[in-house]
PDB file of N, CA and C in Angstrom:
ATOM      1  N   MET A   1     -31.114  41.236 -19.691  1.00  0.00           N
ATOM      2  CA  MET A   1     -30.034  40.754 -20.072  1.00  0.00           C
ATOM      3  C   MET A   1     -30.925  39.132 -19.961  1.00  0.00           C
ATOM      4  N   THR A   2     -30.614  38.360 -20.901  1.00  0.00           N
ATOM      5  CA  THR A   2     -31.172  37.207 -20.767  1.00  0.00           C
ATOM      6  C   THR A   2     -30.568  36.163 -20.355  1.00  0.00           C
ATOM      7  N   LEU A   3     -31.219  34.681 -20.264  1.00  0.00           N
ATOM      8  CA  LEU A   3     -30.426  33.861 -19.499  1.00  0.00           C
ATOM      9  C   LEU A   3     -29.157  33.393 -20.481  1.00  0.00           C
ATOM     10  N   VAL A   4     -29.584  33.464 -21.770  1.00  0.00           N
ATOM     11  CA  VAL A   4     -28.458  33.008 -22.932  1.00  0.00           C
ATOM     12  C   VAL A   4     -27.219  34.081 -23.022  1.00  0.00           C
ATOM     13  N   ASP A   5     -27.662  35.435 -22.789  1.00  0.00           N
ATOM     14  CA  ASP A   5     -26.485  36.335 -22.557  1.00  0.00           C
ATOM     15  C   ASP A   5     -25.807  36.001 -21.417  1.00  0.00           C
ATOM     16  N   LEU A   6     -26.191  35.567 -20.131  1.00  0.00           N
ATOM     17  CA  LEU A   6     -25.354  35.454 -19.104  1.00  0.00           C
ATOM     18  C   LEU A   6     -24.651  34.337 -19.074  1.00  0.00           C
ATOM     19  N   ILE A   7     -24.998  33.400 -19.868  1.00  0.00           N
ATOM     20  CA  ILE A   7     -24.375  32.028 -20.120  1.00  0.00           C
ATOM     21  C   ILE A   7     -23.146  32.120 -20.888  1.00  0.00           C
ATOM     22  N   ARG A   8     -23.499  33.244 -22.074  1.00  0.00           N
ATOM     23  CA  ARG A   8     -22.183  33.483 -22.965  1.00  0.00           C
ATOM     24  C   ARG A   8     -21.480  34.355 -22.181  1.00  0.00           C
ATOM     25  N   ILE A   9     -21.735  35.143 -21.291  1.00  0.00           N
ATOM     26  CA  ILE A   9     -20.863  35.903 -20.461  1.00  0.00           C
ATOM     27  C   ILE A   9     -19.909  35.055 -19.640  1.00  0.00           C
ATOM     28  N   ILE A  10     -20.242  33.996 -19.181  1.00  0.00           N
ATOM     29  CA  ILE A  10     -19.764  33.019 -18.330  1.00  0.00           C
ATOM     30  C   ILE A  10     -18.913  32.094 -19.226  1.00  0.00           C
ATOM     31  N   TRP A  11     -19.399  31.554 -20.255  1.00  0.00           N
ATOM     32  CA  TRP A  11     -18.403  30.931 -21.365  1.00  0.00           C
ATOM     33  C   TRP A  11     -17.223  31.618 -21.658  1.00  0.00           C
ATOM     34  N   THR A  12     -17.498  32.991 -22.160  1.00  0.00           N
ATOM     35  CA  THR A  12     -16.401  33.591 -22.483  1.00  0.00           C
ATOM     36  C   THR A  12     -15.303  33.873 -21.472  1.00  0.00           C
ATOM     37  N   ILE A  13     -15.820  34.265 -20.165  1.00  0.00           N
ATOM     38  CA  ILE A  13     -14.703  34.304 -19.267  1.00  0.00           C
ATOM     39  C   ILE A  13     -14.084  33.033 -18.764  1.00  0.00           C
ATOM     40  N   SER A  14     -14.667  32.110 -18.558  1.00  0.00           N
ATOM     41  CA  SER A  14     -14.237  30.556 -18.495  1.00  0.00           C
ATOM     42  C   SER A  14     -13.040  30.348 -19.623  1.00  0.00           C
ATOM     43  N   ALA A  15     -13.475  30.814 -20.921  1.00  0.00           N
ATOM     44  CA  ALA A  15     -12.609  30.636 -21.936  1.00  0.00           C
ATOM     45  C   ALA A  15     -11.118  31.229 -21.692  1.00  0.00           C
ATOM     46  N   ALA A  16     -11.389  32.514 -21.461  1.00  0.00           N
ATOM     47  CA  ALA A  16     -10.222  33.481 -21.325  1.00  0.00           C
ATOM     48  C   ALA A  16      -9.508  32.888 -20.207  1.00  0.00           C
ATOM     49  N   LEU A  17      -9.969  32.429 -18.750  1.00  0.00           N
ATOM     50  CA  LEU A  17      -9.311  31.958 -17.646  1.00  0.00           C
ATOM     51  C   LEU A  17      -8.583  30.785 -18.112  1.00  0.00           C
ATOM     52  N   LEU A  18      -9.065  29.958 -18.988  1.00  0.00           N
ATOM     53  CA  LEU A  18      -8.694  28.647 -19.293  1.00  0.00           C
ATOM     54  C   LEU A  18      -7.479  28.757 -19.915  1.00  0.00           C
ATOM     55  N   VAL A  19      -7.466  29.717 -21.010  1.00  0.00           N
ATOM     56  CA  VAL A  19      -6.169  30.071 -21.889  1.00  0.00           C
ATOM     57  C   VAL A  19      -5.042  30.199 -20.840  1.00  0.00           C
ATOM     58  N   VAL A  20      -5.407  31.412 -19.967  1.00  0.00           N
ATOM     59  CA  VAL A  20      -4.312  31.811 -18.960  1.00  0.00           C
ATOM     60  C   VAL A  20      -3.855  30.697 -18.246  1.00  0.00           C
ATOM     61  N   LEU A  21      -4.660  29.983 -17.720  1.00  0.00           N
ATOM     62  CA  LEU A  21      -4.213  28.635 -16.740  1.00  0.00           C
ATOM     63  C   LEU A  21      -3.473  27.709 -17.608  1.00  0.00           C
ATOM     64  N   VAL A  22      -3.864  27.424 -18.969  1.00  0.00           N
ATOM     65  CA  VAL A  22      -3.243  26.605 -19.669  1.00  0.00           C
ATOM     66  C   VAL A  22      -1.595  27.002 -20.020  1.00  0.00           C
ATOM     67  N   LEU A  23      -1.581  28.416 -20.028  1.00  0.00           N
ATOM     68  CA  LEU A  23      -0.048  28.866 -20.153  1.00  0.00           C
ATOM     69  C   LEU A  23       0.894  29.067 -19.048  1.00  0.00           C
ATOM     70  N   LEU A  24       0.109  29.010 -17.697  1.00  0.00           N
ATOM     71  CA  LEU A  24       0.764  28.981 -16.745  1.00  0.00           C
ATOM     72  C   LEU A  24       1.586  27.526 -16.395  1.00  0.00           C
ATOM     73  N   HIS A  25       0.951  26.660 -17.059  1.00  0.00           N
ATOM     74  CA  HIS A  25       1.554  25.273 -16.786  1.00  0.00           C
ATOM     75  C   HIS A  25       3.064  25.229 -17.386  1.00  0.00           C
ATOM     76  N   SER A  26       3.549  24.678 -16.579  1.00  0.00           N
ATOM     77  CA  SER A  26       5.159  24.613 -16.906  1.00  0.00           C
ATOM     78  C   SER A  26       5.542  23.052 -17.318  1.00  0.00           C
ATOM     79  N   PRO A  27       6.144  23.010 -18.558  1.00  0.00           N
ATOM     80  CA  PRO A  27       6.175  21.691 -19.269  1.00  0.00           C
ATOM     81  C   PRO A  27       7.162  21.019 -18.307  1.00  0.00           C
ATOM     82  N   LYS A  28       8.262  21.771 -17.701  1.00  0.00           N
ATOM     83  CA  LYS A  28       9.488  21.092 -16.851  1.00  0.00           C
ATOM     84  C   LYS A  28       8.932  20.706 -15.448  1.00  0.00           C
ATOM     85  N   GLY A  29       7.797  21.106 -15.014  1.00  0.00           N
ATOM     86  CA  GLY A  29       7.335  20.977 -13.527  1.00  0.00           C
ATOM     87  C   GLY A  29       7.445  21.926 -12.675  1.00  0.00           C
ATOM     88  N   ASP A  30       8.001  23.024 -13.378  1.00  0.00           N
ATOM     89  CA  ASP A  30       8.159  24.264 -12.414  1.00  0.00           C
ATOM     90  C   ASP A  30       6.802  24.468 -11.775  1.00  0.00           C
ATOM     91  N   GLY A  31       5.866  24.713 -12.427  1.00  0.00           N
ATOM     92  CA  GLY A  31       4.613  25.193 -12.118  1.00  0.00           C
ATOM     93  C   GLY A  31       4.309  26.448 -12.187  1.00  0.00           C
ATOM     94  N   LEU A  32       3.964  27.287 -10.941  1.00  0.00           N
ATOM     95  CA  LEU A  32       3.731  28.518 -10.975  1.00  0.00           C
ATOM     96  C   LEU A  32       4.931  29.279 -10.539  1.00  0.00           C
ATOM     97  N   GLY A  33       6.207  28.409 -10.250  1.00  0.00           N
ATOM     98  CA  GLY A  33       7.394  28.794  -9.682  1.00  0.00           C
ATOM     99  C   GLY A  33       8.091  29.859 -10.632  1.00  0.00           C
ATOM    100  N   GLY A  34       7.970  29.242 -12.067  1.00  0.00           N
ATOM    101  CA  GLY A  34       8.536  29.974 -13.039  1.00  0.00           C
ATOM    102  C   GLY A  34       8.341  31.314 -13.516  1.00  0.00           C
ATOM    103  N   ILE A  35       7.128  31.864 -12.608  1.00  0.00           N
ATOM    104  CA  ILE A  35       6.525  33.224 -13.233  1.00  0.00           C
ATOM    105  C   ILE A  35       6.930  34.251 -12.034  1.00  0.00           C
ATOM    106  N   GLY A  36       8.198  34.050 -11.661  1.00  0.00           N
ATOM    107  CA  GLY A  36       8.303  35.282 -10.391  1.00  0.00           C
ATOM    108  C   GLY A  36       8.243  34.826  -8.712  1.00  0.00           C
ATOM    109  N   GLY A  37       8.287  33.640  -8.601  1.00  0.00           N
ATOM    110  CA  GLY A  37       8.122  33.210  -7.332  1.00  0.00           C
ATOM    111  C   GLY A  37       6.751  33.179  -6.619  1.00  0.00           C
ATOM    112  N   GLN A  38       5.690  32.861  -7.577  1.00  0.00           N
ATOM    113  CA  GLN A  38       4.366  32.998  -6.945  1.00  0.00           C
ATOM    114  C   GLN A  38       4.171  31.894  -6.553  1.00  0.00           C
ATOM    115  N   SER A  39       4.849  30.548  -6.415  1.00  0.00           N
ATOM    116  CA  SER A  39       4.512  29.406  -5.788  1.00  0.00           C
ATOM    117  C   SER A  39       4.710  29.459  -4.352  1.00  0.00           C
ATOM    118  N   GLN A  40       5.366  30.640  -3.973  1.00  0.00           N
ATOM    119  CA  GLN A  40       5.406  30.640  -2.460  1.00  0.00           C
ATOM    120  C   GLN A  40       3.927  31.215  -1.655  1.00  0.00           C
ATOM    121  N   LEU A  41       2.871  31.227  -2.524  1.00  0.00           N
ATOM    122  CA  LEU A  41       1.525  31.204  -1.909  1.00  0.00           C
ATOM    123  C   LEU A  41       1.060  29.946  -1.708  1.00  0.00           C
ATOM    124  N   PHE A  42       1.687  29.060  -2.174  1.00  0.00           N
ATOM    125  CA  PHE A  42       1.659  27.339  -1.786  1.00  0.00           C
ATOM    126  C   PHE A  42       2.328  27.083  -0.526  1.00  0.00           C
ATOM    127  N   THR A  43       2.112  25.620  -0.164  1.00  0.00           N
ATOM    128  CA  THR A  43       3.185  25.378   0.593  1.00  0.00           C
ATOM    129  C   THR A  43       4.314  24.448  -0.059  1.00  0.00           C
ATOM    130  N   SER A  44       4.211  23.715  -1.272  1.00  0.00           N
ATOM    131  CA  SER A  44       5.110  23.744  -2.244  1.00  0.00           C
ATOM    132  C   SER A  44       4.755  23.500  -3.506  1.00  0.00           C
ATOM    133  N   ALA A  45       5.815  23.521  -4.419  1.00  0.00           N
ATOM    134  CA  ALA A  45       5.706  23.313  -5.993  1.00  0.00           C
ATOM    135  C   ALA A  45       4.616  22.521  -6.277  1.00  0.00           C
ATOM    136  N   LYS A  46       4.527  21.378  -5.562  1.00  0.00           N
ATOM    137  CA  LYS A  46       3.621  20.136  -5.818  1.00  0.00           C
ATOM    138  C   LYS A  46       2.249  20.443  -5.783  1.00  0.00           C
ATOM    139  N   SER A  47       2.010  21.212  -4.390  1.00  0.00           N
ATOM    140  CA  SER A  47       0.664  21.414  -4.203  1.00  0.00           C
ATOM    141  C   SER A  47       0.259  22.708  -4.980  1.00  0.00           C
ATOM    142  N   ALA A  48       1.105  23.488  -5.440  1.00  0.00           N
ATOM    143  CA  ALA A  48       0.609  24.575  -6.417  1.00  0.00           C
ATOM    144  C   ALA A  48       0.362  23.945  -8.070  1.00  0.00           C
ATOM    145  N   GLU A  49       0.974  22.889  -8.154  1.00  0.00           N
ATOM    146  CA  GLU A  49       0.827  22.352  -9.560  1.00  0.00           C
ATOM    147  C   GLU A  49      -0.540  21.728  -9.547  1.00  0.00           C
ATOM    148  N   LYS A  50      -0.911  21.144  -8.049  1.00  0.00           N
ATOM    149  CA  LYS A  50      -2.048  19.983  -8.048  1.00  0.00           C
ATOM    150  C   LYS A  50      -2.995  20.938  -7.884  1.00  0.00           C
ATOM    151  N   THR A  51      -3.086  22.229  -7.307  1.00  0.00           N
ATOM    152  CA  THR A  51      -4.033  23.220  -7.283  1.00  0.00           C
ATOM    153  C   THR A  51      -4.525  23.834  -9.049  1.00  0.00           C
ATOM    154  N   LEU A  52      -3.464  24.321  -9.458  1.00  0.00           N
ATOM    155  CA  LEU A  52      -3.510  24.459 -11.021  1.00  0.00           C
ATOM    156  C   LEU A  52      -4.392  23.453 -11.689  1.00  0.00           C
ATOM    157  N   ASN A  53      -3.920  22.196 -11.723  1.00  0.00           N
ATOM    158  CA  ASN A  53      -4.499  21.209 -12.387  1.00  0.00           C
ATOM    159  C   ASN A  53      -5.870  21.337 -12.074  1.00  0.00           C
ATOM    160  N   GLN A  54      -6.216  21.306 -10.847  1.00  0.00           N
ATOM    161  CA  GLN A  54      -7.668  20.938 -10.345  1.00  0.00           C
ATOM    162  C   GLN A  54      -8.469  22.598 -11.024  1.00  0.00           C
ATOM    163  N   ILE A  55      -7.891  23.636 -10.920  1.00  0.00           N
ATOM    164  CA  ILE A  55      -8.425  24.571 -11.535  1.00  0.00           C
ATOM    165  C   ILE A  55      -8.899  24.314 -13.072  1.00  0.00           C
ATOM    166  N   THR A  56      -7.539  24.005 -13.713  1.00  0.00           N
ATOM    167  CA  THR A  56      -7.793  23.803 -15.081  1.00  0.00           C
ATOM    168  C   THR A  56      -8.958  22.918 -15.446  1.00  0.00           C
ATOM    169  N   TRP A  57      -9.120  21.649 -14.863  1.00  0.00           N
ATOM    170  CA  TRP A  57      -9.920  20.625 -14.989  1.00  0.00           C
ATOM    171  C   TRP A  57     -11.343  21.393 -14.714  1.00  0.00           C
ATOM    172  N   THR A  58     -11.480  22.024 -13.650  1.00  0.00           N
ATOM    173  CA  THR A  58     -12.947  22.611 -13.514  1.00  0.00           C
ATOM    174  C   THR A  58     -13.152  23.499 -14.493  1.00  0.00           C
ATOM    175  N   LEU A  59     -12.369  24.325 -14.956  1.00  0.00           N
ATOM    176  CA  LEU A  59     -12.649  25.466 -15.922  1.00  0.00           C
ATOM    177  C   LEU A  59     -13.037  24.630 -17.273  1.00  0.00           C
ATOM    178  N   SER A  60     -12.386  23.730 -17.601  1.00  0.00           N
ATOM    179  CA  SER A  60     -12.465  23.088 -18.932  1.00  0.00           C
ATOM    180  C   SER A  60     -13.873  22.398 -18.808  1.00  0.00           C
ATOM    181  N   SER A  61     -14.165  21.746 -17.719  1.00  0.00           N
ATOM    182  CA  SER A  61     -15.519  21.067 -17.702  1.00  0.00           C
ATOM    183  C   SER A  61     -16.467  22.146 -17.908  1.00  0.00           C
ATOM    184  N   ILE A  62     -16.415  23.221 -17.116  1.00  0.00           N
ATOM    185  CA  ILE A  62     -17.704  24.211 -17.239  1.00  0.00           C
ATOM    186  C   ILE A  62     -17.612  24.474 -18.661  1.00  0.00           C
ATOM    187  N   PHE A  63     -16.442  25.182 -19.215  1.00  0.00           N
ATOM    188  CA  PHE A  63     -16.595  25.533 -20.651  1.00  0.00           C
ATOM    189  C   PHE A  63     -16.989  24.574 -21.675  1.00  0.00           C
ATOM    190  N   MET A  64     -16.748  23.166 -21.625  1.00  0.00           N
ATOM    191  CA  MET A  64     -17.099  22.158 -22.229  1.00  0.00           C
ATOM    192  C   MET A  64     -18.552  22.059 -22.219  1.00  0.00           C
ATOM    193  N   SER A  65     -18.989  22.029 -21.026  1.00  0.00           N
ATOM    194  CA  SER A  65     -20.440  22.047 -20.517  1.00  0.00           C
ATOM    195  C   SER A  65     -21.439  23.012 -21.252  1.00  0.00           C
ATOM    196  N   LEU A  66     -21.132  24.198 -21.014  1.00  0.00           N
ATOM    197  CA  LEU A  66     -21.764  25.349 -21.605  1.00  0.00           C
ATOM    198  C   LEU A  66     -21.635  25.450 -23.222  1.00  0.00           C
ATOM    199  N   THR A  67     -20.419  24.887 -23.612  1.00  0.00           N
ATOM    200  CA  THR A  67     -20.466  24.955 -25.190  1.00  0.00           C
ATOM    201  C   THR A  67     -21.575  23.988 -25.521  1.00  0.00           C
ATOM    202  N   VAL A  68     -21.831  22.982 -25.186  1.00  0.00           N
ATOM    203  CA  VAL A  68     -22.838  22.022 -25.481  1.00  0.00           C
ATOM    204  C   VAL A  68     -24.088  22.598 -25.532  1.00  0.00           C
ATOM    205  N   VAL A  69     -24.461  23.233 -24.048  1.00  0.00           N
ATOM    206  CA  VAL A  69     -25.543  23.955 -23.722  1.00  0.00           C
ATOM    207  C   VAL A  69     -25.878  24.912 -24.857  1.00  0.00           C
ATOM    208  N   LEU A  70     -24.800  25.686 -25.318  1.00  0.00           N
ATOM    209  CA  LEU A  70     -25.116  26.743 -26.276  1.00  0.00           C
ATOM    210  C   LEU A  70     -25.144  26.418 -27.834  1.00  0.00           C
ATOM    211  N   SER A  71     -24.565  25.239 -27.939  1.00  0.00           N
ATOM    212  CA  SER A  71     -24.634  24.726 -29.282  1.00  0.00           C
ATOM    213  C   SER A  71     -25.835  24.074 -29.594  1.00  0.00           C
ATOM    214  N   ALA A  72     -26.378  23.284 -28.645  1.00  0.00           N
ATOM    215  CA  ALA A  72     -27.661  22.642 -28.862  1.00  0.00           C
ATOM    216  C   ALA A  72     -28.585  23.291 -29.072  1.00  0.00           C
ATOM    217  N   GLY A  73     -28.958  24.624 -28.388  1.00  0.00           N
ATOM    218  CA  GLY A  73     -30.011  25.190 -28.597  1.00  0.00           C
ATOM    219  C   GLY A  73     -31.009  24.827 -27.640  1.00  0.00           C
ATOM    220  N   TRP A  74     -30.597  24.526 -26.320  1.00  0.00           N
ATOM    221  CA  TRP A  74     -31.451  23.943 -25.509  1.00  0.00           C
ATOM    222  C   TRP A  74     -32.288  25.416 -24.727  1.00  0.00           C
ATOM    223  N   LEU A  75     -31.795  26.185 -24.807  1.00  0.00           N
ATOM    224  CA  LEU A  75     -32.317  27.436 -23.958  1.00  0.00           C
ATOM    225  C   LEU A  75     -32.667  28.026 -24.950  1.00  0.00           C
ATOM    226  N   ALA A  76     -34.353  28.704 -24.871  1.00  0.00           N
ATOM    227  CA  ALA A  76     -34.887  29.748 -25.595  1.00  0.00           C
ATOM    228  C   ALA A  76     -34.098  31.129 -25.694  1.00  0.00           C
ATOM    229  N   LYS A  77     -34.240  31.626 -26.667  1.00  0.00           N
ATOM    230  CA  LYS A  77     -33.749  33.062 -27.223  1.00  0.00           C
ATOM    231  C   LYS A  77     -34.707  33.990 -26.892  1.00  0.00           C
TER     232      LYS A  77
END
């Protein structure tokens, strides 16, 4: 397994997780509470939404960075 293959795997996993996390966002501010009481893992719905936002932004940064690295051809194949 080369470095490019490893980065492609991380890129694919981050893309899939990003799709799932974006779908978990609620337009009404329910956050994770709308999927069966999962917000009980957090102290409040506000902290659940804040955590979800932080994870989403982190994954989107990773995804975009890896997209640039893979598309620019900076890594030797």
